[in-house]
N, C-alpha and C. Protein backbone atom coordinates (compact mmCIF):
# COMPACT_ATOMS: atom_id res chain seq x y z
N ALA A 1 51.30 -0.02 40.54
CA ALA A 1 50.22 0.96 40.36
C ALA A 1 50.45 1.81 39.11
N LEU A 2 51.71 2.19 38.90
CA LEU A 2 52.02 3.01 37.72
C LEU A 2 51.80 2.23 36.43
N ILE A 3 52.18 0.96 36.44
CA ILE A 3 51.97 0.12 35.25
C ILE A 3 50.47 -0.03 34.98
N GLY A 4 49.69 -0.24 36.05
CA GLY A 4 48.25 -0.34 35.89
C GLY A 4 47.64 0.93 35.33
N LEU A 5 48.14 2.09 35.82
CA LEU A 5 47.64 3.37 35.31
C LEU A 5 47.96 3.53 33.84
N VAL A 6 49.15 3.14 33.43
CA VAL A 6 49.54 3.23 32.02
C VAL A 6 48.62 2.38 31.15
N ILE A 7 48.30 1.17 31.63
CA ILE A 7 47.43 0.28 30.85
C ILE A 7 46.03 0.88 30.71
N ILE A 8 45.51 1.44 31.81
CA ILE A 8 44.18 2.04 31.76
C ILE A 8 44.15 3.23 30.81
N VAL A 9 45.17 4.08 30.90
CA VAL A 9 45.25 5.24 30.01
C VAL A 9 45.35 4.78 28.55
N LEU A 10 46.10 3.70 28.32
CA LEU A 10 46.23 3.18 26.96
C LEU A 10 44.88 2.72 26.42
N PHE A 11 44.10 2.03 27.24
CA PHE A 11 42.77 1.59 26.80
C PHE A 11 41.88 2.78 26.44
N PHE A 12 41.92 3.81 27.28
CA PHE A 12 41.09 4.98 27.00
C PHE A 12 41.55 5.70 25.73
N LEU A 13 42.85 5.77 25.52
CA LEU A 13 43.36 6.41 24.30
C LEU A 13 42.94 5.61 23.07
N LEU A 14 43.04 4.28 23.15
CA LEU A 14 42.62 3.45 22.02
C LEU A 14 41.14 3.65 21.72
N ALA A 15 40.34 3.78 22.78
CA ALA A 15 38.91 3.99 22.57
C ALA A 15 38.64 5.34 21.93
N LEU A 16 39.31 6.38 22.41
CA LEU A 16 39.09 7.72 21.88
C LEU A 16 39.56 7.84 20.43
N LEU A 17 40.65 7.18 20.11
CA LEU A 17 41.23 7.29 18.77
C LEU A 17 40.81 6.17 17.84
N ALA A 18 39.80 5.41 18.22
CA ALA A 18 39.37 4.25 17.43
C ALA A 18 39.11 4.57 15.97
N PRO A 19 38.41 5.67 15.63
CA PRO A 19 38.13 5.94 14.20
C PRO A 19 39.40 6.16 13.39
N TRP A 20 40.47 6.63 14.01
CA TRP A 20 41.71 6.90 13.29
C TRP A 20 42.66 5.72 13.31
N ILE A 21 42.50 4.81 14.28
CA ILE A 21 43.40 3.65 14.38
C ILE A 21 42.90 2.50 13.52
N SER A 22 41.60 2.24 13.56
CA SER A 22 41.04 1.09 12.83
C SER A 22 41.05 1.34 11.33
N ARG A 23 41.29 0.29 10.59
CA ARG A 23 41.36 0.40 9.13
C ARG A 23 40.01 0.12 8.47
N TYR A 24 39.07 -0.42 9.23
CA TYR A 24 37.80 -0.83 8.65
C TYR A 24 36.64 -0.24 9.44
N ASP A 25 35.51 -0.11 8.76
CA ASP A 25 34.27 0.27 9.43
C ASP A 25 33.81 -0.93 10.27
N PRO A 26 33.57 -0.74 11.58
CA PRO A 26 33.19 -1.88 12.42
C PRO A 26 31.84 -2.49 12.06
N LEU A 27 31.02 -1.76 11.29
CA LEU A 27 29.71 -2.27 10.89
C LEU A 27 29.70 -2.83 9.47
N ALA A 28 30.77 -2.58 8.73
CA ALA A 28 30.80 -2.98 7.32
C ALA A 28 30.96 -4.49 7.18
N GLN A 29 30.06 -5.12 6.42
CA GLN A 29 30.13 -6.56 6.19
C GLN A 29 30.91 -6.86 4.92
N ASN A 30 31.68 -7.96 4.96
CA ASN A 30 32.46 -8.40 3.81
C ASN A 30 32.41 -9.93 3.78
N ILE A 31 31.35 -10.45 3.21
CA ILE A 31 31.09 -11.88 3.26
C ILE A 31 32.26 -12.72 2.73
N PRO A 32 32.96 -12.32 1.65
CA PRO A 32 34.11 -13.13 1.19
C PRO A 32 35.19 -13.30 2.26
N ALA A 33 35.27 -12.35 3.22
CA ALA A 33 36.28 -12.46 4.27
C ALA A 33 35.73 -13.11 5.53
N SER A 34 34.58 -13.79 5.43
CA SER A 34 33.94 -14.41 6.59
C SER A 34 34.88 -15.37 7.30
N LEU A 35 35.01 -15.18 8.62
CA LEU A 35 35.85 -16.03 9.48
C LEU A 35 37.30 -16.07 9.02
N ALA A 36 37.78 -14.97 8.45
CA ALA A 36 39.18 -14.91 8.02
C ALA A 36 40.10 -15.03 9.23
N ALA A 37 41.21 -15.72 9.04
CA ALA A 37 42.17 -15.90 10.12
C ALA A 37 42.96 -14.61 10.33
N PRO A 38 43.54 -14.42 11.52
CA PRO A 38 44.38 -13.24 11.75
C PRO A 38 45.51 -13.17 10.75
N GLY A 39 45.77 -11.99 10.24
CA GLY A 39 46.82 -11.79 9.26
C GLY A 39 47.04 -10.32 9.01
N MET A 40 47.70 -9.99 7.91
CA MET A 40 48.01 -8.60 7.61
C MET A 40 46.75 -7.81 7.26
N GLU A 41 45.77 -8.45 6.64
CA GLU A 41 44.54 -7.75 6.28
C GLU A 41 43.66 -7.51 7.50
N HIS A 42 43.51 -8.55 8.30
CA HIS A 42 42.69 -8.46 9.51
C HIS A 42 43.55 -8.95 10.68
N TRP A 43 44.04 -8.02 11.49
CA TRP A 43 45.01 -8.35 12.53
C TRP A 43 44.48 -9.36 13.54
N MET A 44 43.18 -9.30 13.84
CA MET A 44 42.57 -10.27 14.76
C MET A 44 41.56 -11.16 14.07
N GLY A 45 41.59 -11.17 12.76
CA GLY A 45 40.66 -11.98 12.00
C GLY A 45 39.36 -11.25 11.74
N ALA A 46 38.38 -11.98 11.20
CA ALA A 46 37.06 -11.42 10.89
C ALA A 46 36.00 -12.35 11.44
N ASP A 47 34.81 -11.79 11.70
CA ASP A 47 33.72 -12.63 12.22
C ASP A 47 32.97 -13.30 11.07
N LYS A 48 31.85 -13.94 11.37
CA LYS A 48 31.15 -14.71 10.35
C LYS A 48 30.54 -13.84 9.26
N LEU A 49 30.41 -12.52 9.54
CA LEU A 49 29.91 -11.59 8.53
C LEU A 49 31.03 -10.83 7.84
N GLY A 50 32.27 -11.20 8.12
CA GLY A 50 33.41 -10.56 7.49
C GLY A 50 33.80 -9.23 8.10
N ARG A 51 33.25 -8.88 9.24
CA ARG A 51 33.60 -7.62 9.90
C ARG A 51 34.92 -7.76 10.65
N ASP A 52 35.75 -6.76 10.56
CA ASP A 52 37.07 -6.80 11.17
C ASP A 52 36.95 -6.80 12.70
N ILE A 53 37.48 -7.82 13.35
CA ILE A 53 37.33 -7.96 14.80
C ILE A 53 38.11 -6.89 15.54
N PHE A 54 39.30 -6.55 15.06
CA PHE A 54 40.11 -5.52 15.72
C PHE A 54 39.36 -4.18 15.74
N SER A 55 38.75 -3.82 14.63
CA SER A 55 37.99 -2.57 14.55
C SER A 55 36.79 -2.61 15.50
N ARG A 56 36.14 -3.75 15.58
CA ARG A 56 34.97 -3.86 16.46
C ARG A 56 35.38 -3.79 17.93
N ILE A 57 36.53 -4.34 18.27
CA ILE A 57 37.02 -4.26 19.65
C ILE A 57 37.36 -2.82 20.01
N LEU A 58 38.03 -2.11 19.09
CA LEU A 58 38.37 -0.71 19.36
C LEU A 58 37.13 0.14 19.55
N HIS A 59 36.17 0.02 18.64
CA HIS A 59 34.94 0.82 18.77
C HIS A 59 34.08 0.32 19.93
N GLY A 60 34.13 -0.98 20.21
CA GLY A 60 33.40 -1.51 21.35
C GLY A 60 33.93 -1.00 22.67
N ALA A 61 35.23 -0.67 22.70
CA ALA A 61 35.82 -0.12 23.93
C ALA A 61 35.14 1.19 24.32
N ARG A 62 34.75 1.97 23.33
CA ARG A 62 34.05 3.23 23.63
C ARG A 62 32.77 2.97 24.40
N ILE A 63 32.00 2.00 23.96
CA ILE A 63 30.72 1.70 24.61
C ILE A 63 30.94 1.05 25.96
N SER A 64 31.85 0.09 26.04
CA SER A 64 32.05 -0.64 27.29
C SER A 64 32.65 0.24 28.38
N LEU A 65 33.64 1.04 28.02
CA LEU A 65 34.24 1.93 29.03
C LEU A 65 33.24 2.99 29.48
N PHE A 66 32.48 3.54 28.54
CA PHE A 66 31.43 4.48 28.92
C PHE A 66 30.39 3.81 29.82
N SER A 67 30.04 2.57 29.49
CA SER A 67 29.06 1.85 30.30
C SER A 67 29.55 1.68 31.73
N GLY A 68 30.82 1.32 31.88
CA GLY A 68 31.37 1.15 33.22
C GLY A 68 31.34 2.43 34.02
N ILE A 69 31.74 3.53 33.40
CA ILE A 69 31.74 4.83 34.09
C ILE A 69 30.32 5.26 34.43
N ALA A 70 29.39 5.08 33.49
CA ALA A 70 28.00 5.50 33.72
C ALA A 70 27.37 4.73 34.88
N VAL A 71 27.60 3.41 34.93
CA VAL A 71 27.02 2.60 36.01
C VAL A 71 27.62 2.99 37.35
N ILE A 72 28.95 3.20 37.40
CA ILE A 72 29.60 3.57 38.66
C ILE A 72 29.05 4.91 39.16
N ILE A 73 28.84 5.86 38.26
CA ILE A 73 28.31 7.17 38.66
C ILE A 73 26.89 7.03 39.20
N MET A 74 26.03 6.29 38.47
CA MET A 74 24.65 6.13 38.92
C MET A 74 24.57 5.40 40.26
N ALA A 75 25.27 4.27 40.34
CA ALA A 75 25.24 3.48 41.58
C ALA A 75 25.90 4.23 42.73
N GLY A 76 27.00 4.94 42.44
CA GLY A 76 27.71 5.66 43.49
C GLY A 76 26.88 6.79 44.07
N ILE A 77 26.22 7.55 43.21
CA ILE A 77 25.41 8.68 43.70
C ILE A 77 24.22 8.18 44.51
N PHE A 78 23.47 7.24 43.96
CA PHE A 78 22.28 6.75 44.66
C PHE A 78 22.67 6.03 45.95
N GLY A 79 23.67 5.15 45.87
CA GLY A 79 24.09 4.43 47.06
C GLY A 79 24.63 5.34 48.14
N SER A 80 25.36 6.38 47.73
CA SER A 80 25.90 7.34 48.70
C SER A 80 24.78 8.10 49.41
N LEU A 81 23.75 8.49 48.65
CA LEU A 81 22.61 9.19 49.26
C LEU A 81 21.91 8.30 50.29
N VAL A 82 21.69 7.04 49.93
CA VAL A 82 21.04 6.11 50.85
C VAL A 82 21.90 5.88 52.09
N GLY A 83 23.20 5.63 51.89
CA GLY A 83 24.08 5.39 53.02
C GLY A 83 24.24 6.61 53.91
N MET A 84 24.29 7.80 53.29
CA MET A 84 24.42 9.03 54.06
C MET A 84 23.19 9.25 54.93
N LEU A 85 22.01 9.04 54.36
CA LEU A 85 20.77 9.22 55.12
C LEU A 85 20.67 8.21 56.25
N ALA A 86 21.00 6.95 55.95
CA ALA A 86 20.90 5.90 56.96
C ALA A 86 21.89 6.14 58.10
N GLY A 87 23.13 6.50 57.76
CA GLY A 87 24.15 6.67 58.79
C GLY A 87 23.97 7.93 59.61
N TYR A 88 23.45 8.99 59.01
CA TYR A 88 23.32 10.25 59.74
C TYR A 88 22.02 10.32 60.54
N ALA A 89 20.93 9.86 59.93
CA ALA A 89 19.64 9.93 60.62
C ALA A 89 19.50 8.84 61.68
N ARG A 90 20.05 7.66 61.38
CA ARG A 90 19.95 6.48 62.25
C ARG A 90 18.49 6.17 62.58
N GLY A 91 18.25 5.48 63.67
CA GLY A 91 16.88 5.16 64.05
C GLY A 91 16.17 4.30 63.01
N TRP A 92 14.88 4.57 62.81
CA TRP A 92 14.10 3.74 61.89
C TRP A 92 14.49 3.97 60.44
N TRP A 93 15.02 5.16 60.12
CA TRP A 93 15.54 5.39 58.76
C TRP A 93 16.65 4.38 58.46
N ASP A 94 17.57 4.24 59.39
CA ASP A 94 18.68 3.31 59.22
C ASP A 94 18.18 1.88 59.07
N GLU A 95 17.27 1.48 59.94
CA GLU A 95 16.75 0.11 59.89
C GLU A 95 16.04 -0.16 58.56
N ALA A 96 15.18 0.75 58.15
CA ALA A 96 14.40 0.53 56.93
C ALA A 96 15.30 0.46 55.70
N LEU A 97 16.20 1.43 55.58
CA LEU A 97 17.06 1.49 54.39
C LEU A 97 18.03 0.31 54.33
N MET A 98 18.56 -0.10 55.46
CA MET A 98 19.51 -1.21 55.47
C MET A 98 18.82 -2.55 55.22
N ARG A 99 17.54 -2.68 55.64
CA ARG A 99 16.83 -3.93 55.33
C ARG A 99 16.55 -4.02 53.83
N VAL A 100 16.23 -2.89 53.20
CA VAL A 100 16.07 -2.89 51.74
C VAL A 100 17.40 -3.25 51.07
N THR A 101 18.49 -2.70 51.58
CA THR A 101 19.81 -3.03 51.05
C THR A 101 20.10 -4.51 51.19
N ASP A 102 19.74 -5.11 52.32
CA ASP A 102 19.97 -6.54 52.53
C ASP A 102 19.20 -7.39 51.53
N ILE A 103 18.01 -6.92 51.15
CA ILE A 103 17.22 -7.66 50.16
C ILE A 103 17.99 -7.76 48.84
N PHE A 104 18.62 -6.67 48.43
CA PHE A 104 19.40 -6.70 47.18
C PHE A 104 20.63 -7.58 47.32
N PHE A 105 21.24 -7.61 48.50
CA PHE A 105 22.40 -8.46 48.72
C PHE A 105 22.02 -9.94 48.73
N ALA A 106 20.75 -10.24 48.97
CA ALA A 106 20.32 -11.63 49.10
C ALA A 106 20.29 -12.36 47.76
N PHE A 107 20.24 -11.62 46.65
CA PHE A 107 20.16 -12.23 45.32
C PHE A 107 21.52 -12.18 44.63
N PRO A 108 21.88 -13.21 43.87
CA PRO A 108 23.09 -13.13 43.03
C PRO A 108 22.98 -11.94 42.08
N SER A 109 24.01 -11.11 42.04
CA SER A 109 23.91 -9.84 41.31
C SER A 109 23.63 -10.04 39.83
N LEU A 110 24.31 -10.98 39.18
CA LEU A 110 24.12 -11.15 37.74
C LEU A 110 22.72 -11.68 37.44
N ILE A 111 22.22 -12.61 38.27
CA ILE A 111 20.87 -13.15 38.06
C ILE A 111 19.83 -12.04 38.22
N LEU A 112 20.00 -11.20 39.26
CA LEU A 112 19.07 -10.11 39.47
C LEU A 112 19.14 -9.10 38.33
N ALA A 113 20.36 -8.81 37.85
CA ALA A 113 20.51 -7.89 36.72
C ALA A 113 19.84 -8.44 35.47
N MET A 114 19.96 -9.75 35.24
CA MET A 114 19.29 -10.37 34.09
C MET A 114 17.78 -10.23 34.20
N ALA A 115 17.24 -10.43 35.41
CA ALA A 115 15.79 -10.33 35.61
C ALA A 115 15.30 -8.90 35.36
N ILE A 116 16.06 -7.92 35.87
CA ILE A 116 15.66 -6.52 35.68
C ILE A 116 15.76 -6.12 34.22
N ALA A 117 16.87 -6.50 33.57
CA ALA A 117 17.05 -6.16 32.16
C ALA A 117 15.99 -6.83 31.30
N GLY A 118 15.64 -8.07 31.65
CA GLY A 118 14.60 -8.76 30.89
C GLY A 118 13.24 -8.11 31.06
N ALA A 119 12.97 -7.60 32.26
CA ALA A 119 11.69 -6.93 32.50
C ALA A 119 11.61 -5.59 31.80
N LEU A 120 12.74 -4.87 31.75
CA LEU A 120 12.75 -3.55 31.11
C LEU A 120 12.80 -3.63 29.59
N GLY A 121 13.36 -4.73 29.08
CA GLY A 121 13.49 -4.87 27.63
C GLY A 121 14.95 -4.80 27.21
N PRO A 122 15.31 -5.51 26.14
CA PRO A 122 16.71 -5.56 25.70
C PRO A 122 17.18 -4.24 25.07
N SER A 123 18.10 -3.57 25.73
CA SER A 123 18.75 -2.38 25.19
C SER A 123 19.92 -2.06 26.09
N LEU A 124 20.88 -1.31 25.56
CA LEU A 124 22.05 -0.96 26.35
C LEU A 124 21.66 -0.10 27.55
N GLN A 125 20.77 0.85 27.35
CA GLN A 125 20.34 1.73 28.43
C GLN A 125 19.73 0.93 29.58
N ASN A 126 18.87 -0.03 29.25
CA ASN A 126 18.24 -0.84 30.29
C ASN A 126 19.25 -1.75 30.98
N ALA A 127 20.25 -2.21 30.24
CA ALA A 127 21.30 -3.03 30.85
C ALA A 127 22.09 -2.22 31.86
N LEU A 128 22.37 -0.96 31.53
CA LEU A 128 23.10 -0.09 32.47
C LEU A 128 22.29 0.14 33.73
N ILE A 129 20.98 0.37 33.55
CA ILE A 129 20.11 0.57 34.71
C ILE A 129 20.08 -0.68 35.58
N ALA A 130 20.00 -1.85 34.94
CA ALA A 130 19.94 -3.11 35.68
C ALA A 130 21.20 -3.33 36.51
N VAL A 131 22.36 -3.08 35.91
CA VAL A 131 23.62 -3.28 36.63
C VAL A 131 23.77 -2.25 37.74
N ALA A 132 23.32 -1.02 37.50
CA ALA A 132 23.39 0.01 38.53
C ALA A 132 22.50 -0.36 39.72
N VAL A 133 21.34 -0.95 39.45
CA VAL A 133 20.42 -1.33 40.51
C VAL A 133 21.04 -2.37 41.44
N VAL A 134 21.82 -3.29 40.88
CA VAL A 134 22.42 -4.34 41.73
C VAL A 134 23.78 -3.92 42.30
N THR A 135 24.27 -2.74 41.91
CA THR A 135 25.58 -2.29 42.38
C THR A 135 25.49 -1.29 43.52
N TRP A 136 24.42 -0.48 43.58
CA TRP A 136 24.35 0.60 44.56
C TRP A 136 24.42 0.13 46.01
N PRO A 137 23.93 -1.08 46.41
CA PRO A 137 23.99 -1.45 47.83
C PRO A 137 25.41 -1.45 48.40
N VAL A 138 26.40 -1.75 47.58
CA VAL A 138 27.79 -1.75 48.07
C VAL A 138 28.18 -0.35 48.54
N TYR A 139 27.81 0.66 47.78
CA TYR A 139 28.15 2.04 48.13
C TYR A 139 27.32 2.52 49.32
N ALA A 140 26.08 2.05 49.41
CA ALA A 140 25.26 2.42 50.56
C ALA A 140 25.87 1.91 51.86
N ARG A 141 26.29 0.66 51.87
CA ARG A 141 26.92 0.08 53.05
C ARG A 141 28.22 0.80 53.40
N LEU A 142 29.01 1.07 52.38
CA LEU A 142 30.30 1.72 52.60
C LEU A 142 30.13 3.11 53.19
N VAL A 143 29.26 3.93 52.60
CA VAL A 143 29.06 5.30 53.08
C VAL A 143 28.43 5.29 54.47
N ARG A 144 27.49 4.40 54.70
CA ARG A 144 26.86 4.33 56.02
C ARG A 144 27.91 4.06 57.10
N GLY A 145 28.79 3.10 56.84
CA GLY A 145 29.83 2.80 57.82
C GLY A 145 30.75 3.97 58.09
N GLN A 146 31.09 4.70 57.03
CA GLN A 146 31.94 5.87 57.19
C GLN A 146 31.23 6.97 57.99
N VAL A 147 29.96 7.20 57.67
CA VAL A 147 29.22 8.27 58.33
C VAL A 147 28.99 7.96 59.81
N LEU A 148 28.73 6.70 60.13
CA LEU A 148 28.51 6.32 61.53
C LEU A 148 29.72 6.67 62.40
N GLY A 149 30.92 6.52 61.81
CA GLY A 149 32.13 6.87 62.55
C GLY A 149 32.40 8.37 62.55
N LEU A 150 32.16 9.01 61.42
CA LEU A 150 32.48 10.43 61.28
C LEU A 150 31.54 11.32 62.08
N ARG A 151 30.27 10.94 62.20
CA ARG A 151 29.30 11.82 62.85
C ARG A 151 29.61 12.04 64.33
N GLU A 152 30.45 11.19 64.95
CA GLU A 152 30.83 11.36 66.35
C GLU A 152 32.19 12.02 66.52
N ARG A 153 32.83 12.37 65.42
CA ARG A 153 34.15 12.99 65.51
C ARG A 153 34.04 14.43 66.02
N GLU A 154 35.17 14.92 66.54
CA GLU A 154 35.17 16.24 67.17
C GLU A 154 34.80 17.37 66.21
N PHE A 155 35.27 17.30 64.97
CA PHE A 155 35.00 18.41 64.04
C PHE A 155 33.52 18.48 63.67
N VAL A 156 32.84 17.34 63.67
CA VAL A 156 31.40 17.35 63.40
C VAL A 156 30.64 17.88 64.61
N GLN A 157 31.05 17.46 65.79
CA GLN A 157 30.40 17.97 67.00
C GLN A 157 30.63 19.48 67.15
N ALA A 158 31.81 19.95 66.78
CA ALA A 158 32.09 21.38 66.85
C ALA A 158 31.22 22.15 65.88
N ALA A 159 31.05 21.60 64.66
CA ALA A 159 30.19 22.26 63.68
C ALA A 159 28.75 22.31 64.17
N ARG A 160 28.30 21.23 64.79
CA ARG A 160 26.94 21.20 65.32
C ARG A 160 26.79 22.20 66.49
N ALA A 161 27.85 22.34 67.29
CA ALA A 161 27.80 23.23 68.46
C ALA A 161 27.70 24.70 68.06
N VAL A 162 28.29 25.07 66.92
CA VAL A 162 28.24 26.47 66.48
C VAL A 162 27.00 26.76 65.65
N GLY A 163 26.11 25.78 65.54
CA GLY A 163 24.83 26.03 64.88
C GLY A 163 24.73 25.61 63.43
N ALA A 164 25.67 24.81 62.93
CA ALA A 164 25.61 24.36 61.54
C ALA A 164 24.42 23.43 61.35
N THR A 165 23.73 23.60 60.26
CA THR A 165 22.57 22.76 59.96
C THR A 165 23.03 21.38 59.48
N ASP A 166 22.09 20.45 59.45
CA ASP A 166 22.43 19.09 59.02
C ASP A 166 22.95 19.08 57.58
N SER A 167 22.32 19.87 56.71
CA SER A 167 22.75 19.90 55.31
C SER A 167 24.18 20.42 55.18
N VAL A 168 24.53 21.42 55.98
CA VAL A 168 25.89 21.97 55.95
C VAL A 168 26.88 20.95 56.47
N ILE A 169 26.54 20.25 57.55
CA ILE A 169 27.43 19.24 58.11
C ILE A 169 27.66 18.12 57.10
N ILE A 170 26.60 17.68 56.45
CA ILE A 170 26.73 16.61 55.46
C ILE A 170 27.57 17.06 54.27
N ARG A 171 27.28 18.28 53.77
CA ARG A 171 27.95 18.76 52.56
C ARG A 171 29.41 19.11 52.79
N ARG A 172 29.72 19.76 53.94
CA ARG A 172 31.07 20.27 54.16
C ARG A 172 31.98 19.33 54.94
N HIS A 173 31.39 18.48 55.77
CA HIS A 173 32.22 17.70 56.67
C HIS A 173 32.14 16.19 56.43
N LEU A 174 30.97 15.68 56.14
CA LEU A 174 30.84 14.25 55.98
C LEU A 174 31.15 13.78 54.55
N LEU A 175 30.53 14.43 53.57
CA LEU A 175 30.70 14.00 52.18
C LEU A 175 32.16 14.02 51.73
N PRO A 176 32.92 15.11 51.98
CA PRO A 176 34.33 15.09 51.53
C PRO A 176 35.15 13.96 52.15
N ASN A 177 34.81 13.56 53.37
CA ASN A 177 35.58 12.52 54.04
C ASN A 177 35.19 11.11 53.62
N THR A 178 34.12 10.99 52.82
CA THR A 178 33.75 9.68 52.30
C THR A 178 34.20 9.47 50.86
N LEU A 179 34.74 10.52 50.24
CA LEU A 179 35.10 10.41 48.82
C LEU A 179 36.26 9.45 48.59
N SER A 180 37.24 9.45 49.49
CA SER A 180 38.42 8.60 49.29
C SER A 180 38.05 7.11 49.24
N PRO A 181 37.34 6.56 50.24
CA PRO A 181 36.95 5.14 50.12
C PRO A 181 36.00 4.88 48.96
N LEU A 182 35.18 5.88 48.60
CA LEU A 182 34.28 5.71 47.46
C LEU A 182 35.07 5.53 46.16
N LEU A 183 36.10 6.33 45.98
CA LEU A 183 36.93 6.22 44.77
C LEU A 183 37.65 4.88 44.72
N VAL A 184 38.13 4.41 45.87
CA VAL A 184 38.79 3.11 45.91
C VAL A 184 37.81 2.00 45.52
N GLN A 185 36.60 2.06 46.09
CA GLN A 185 35.58 1.06 45.77
C GLN A 185 35.20 1.12 44.29
N ALA A 186 35.10 2.33 43.75
CA ALA A 186 34.75 2.49 42.34
C ALA A 186 35.81 1.87 41.44
N SER A 187 37.07 2.03 41.82
CA SER A 187 38.15 1.45 41.00
C SER A 187 38.08 -0.08 41.01
N PHE A 188 37.69 -0.66 42.14
CA PHE A 188 37.53 -2.12 42.21
C PHE A 188 36.33 -2.59 41.39
N ASP A 189 35.26 -1.81 41.40
CA ASP A 189 34.01 -2.22 40.74
C ASP A 189 34.02 -2.02 39.24
N MET A 190 34.89 -1.17 38.73
CA MET A 190 34.87 -0.81 37.31
C MET A 190 34.96 -2.05 36.42
N GLY A 191 35.92 -2.92 36.70
CA GLY A 191 36.09 -4.11 35.88
C GLY A 191 34.89 -5.05 35.98
N ALA A 192 34.37 -5.23 37.21
CA ALA A 192 33.23 -6.11 37.39
C ALA A 192 32.00 -5.58 36.67
N VAL A 193 31.82 -4.25 36.68
CA VAL A 193 30.67 -3.65 36.00
C VAL A 193 30.77 -3.86 34.50
N ILE A 194 31.96 -3.64 33.93
CA ILE A 194 32.14 -3.85 32.49
C ILE A 194 31.85 -5.30 32.12
N LEU A 195 32.31 -6.25 32.95
CA LEU A 195 32.03 -7.66 32.68
C LEU A 195 30.53 -7.95 32.78
N SER A 196 29.85 -7.35 33.74
CA SER A 196 28.42 -7.59 33.89
C SER A 196 27.64 -7.06 32.69
N VAL A 197 27.97 -5.84 32.25
CA VAL A 197 27.29 -5.27 31.08
C VAL A 197 27.59 -6.09 29.84
N ALA A 198 28.84 -6.52 29.70
CA ALA A 198 29.21 -7.35 28.55
C ALA A 198 28.47 -8.69 28.60
N GLY A 199 28.32 -9.26 29.80
CA GLY A 199 27.59 -10.51 29.93
C GLY A 199 26.13 -10.37 29.55
N LEU A 200 25.51 -9.27 29.95
CA LEU A 200 24.12 -9.03 29.56
C LEU A 200 23.99 -8.85 28.05
N SER A 201 24.97 -8.17 27.45
CA SER A 201 24.94 -7.99 25.99
C SER A 201 25.14 -9.33 25.27
N PHE A 202 25.98 -10.18 25.84
CA PHE A 202 26.28 -11.47 25.22
C PHE A 202 25.04 -12.35 25.13
N ILE A 203 24.18 -12.26 26.15
CA ILE A 203 22.98 -13.10 26.14
C ILE A 203 21.77 -12.36 25.59
N GLY A 204 21.99 -11.16 25.04
CA GLY A 204 20.93 -10.46 24.32
C GLY A 204 20.16 -9.42 25.08
N PHE A 205 20.57 -9.11 26.34
CA PHE A 205 19.83 -8.12 27.12
C PHE A 205 20.44 -6.73 27.04
N GLY A 206 21.65 -6.60 26.51
CA GLY A 206 22.33 -5.32 26.49
C GLY A 206 22.36 -4.69 25.11
N ALA A 207 23.55 -4.32 24.66
CA ALA A 207 23.73 -3.72 23.34
C ALA A 207 23.22 -4.67 22.27
N GLN A 208 22.48 -4.12 21.30
CA GLN A 208 21.86 -4.94 20.27
C GLN A 208 22.68 -4.87 18.97
N PRO A 209 22.73 -5.99 18.21
CA PRO A 209 23.44 -5.99 16.93
C PRO A 209 22.87 -4.91 16.01
N PRO A 210 23.72 -4.32 15.17
CA PRO A 210 25.14 -4.62 14.96
C PRO A 210 26.09 -3.76 15.79
N MET A 211 25.61 -3.15 16.87
CA MET A 211 26.46 -2.27 17.69
C MET A 211 27.67 -3.04 18.20
N PRO A 212 28.89 -2.50 17.98
CA PRO A 212 30.09 -3.18 18.50
C PRO A 212 30.23 -2.93 20.00
N GLU A 213 30.30 -4.00 20.76
CA GLU A 213 30.43 -3.89 22.22
C GLU A 213 31.18 -5.13 22.69
N TRP A 214 31.90 -5.02 23.78
CA TRP A 214 32.76 -6.12 24.21
C TRP A 214 32.00 -7.38 24.55
N GLY A 215 30.70 -7.28 24.79
CA GLY A 215 29.92 -8.49 25.07
C GLY A 215 29.52 -9.23 23.79
């Protein structure tokens, strides 16, 4: 775990310090250096337009890491709200919201993200929205399961007995107890989200040239 944390921190530091670490402008073209092999001038070589690949990877880390965090936040907040409502209200609210969630689970996530991104138009913002749309059901299911168990616990019943409102119970007792599994799920999803956004960019639905991005 410590080694993994060091690697993650290293990636974030490289992304933050990209302008000072890279020797070349990631957008600058140098046709004579087109497809240059890795060497002292270009540590990872150059692309067909002569742009330094190492510089583009460093600057692309800023966009890709931000994209992963942004999608996790959007999907986590929306999915948590849906799961909290379904698990706490139960009844027809639970049935309706979970059937909508099942519809999203029925489609392959990347194919659905491609369809949404294609409908919205090619851009990084739309790609993030598309990936968030196919990611939130995981958090809805997770929070719903947690809330179904927590709402019957003694501390929740005690809060209800002393007159606490539903909003107070959710805010003070249920939400804090769902944060731990949410953070664990977010850590698992971070890599998959970055790959999904990069995949959409690779096929033209995400970040548009000449923006440096891992896709």
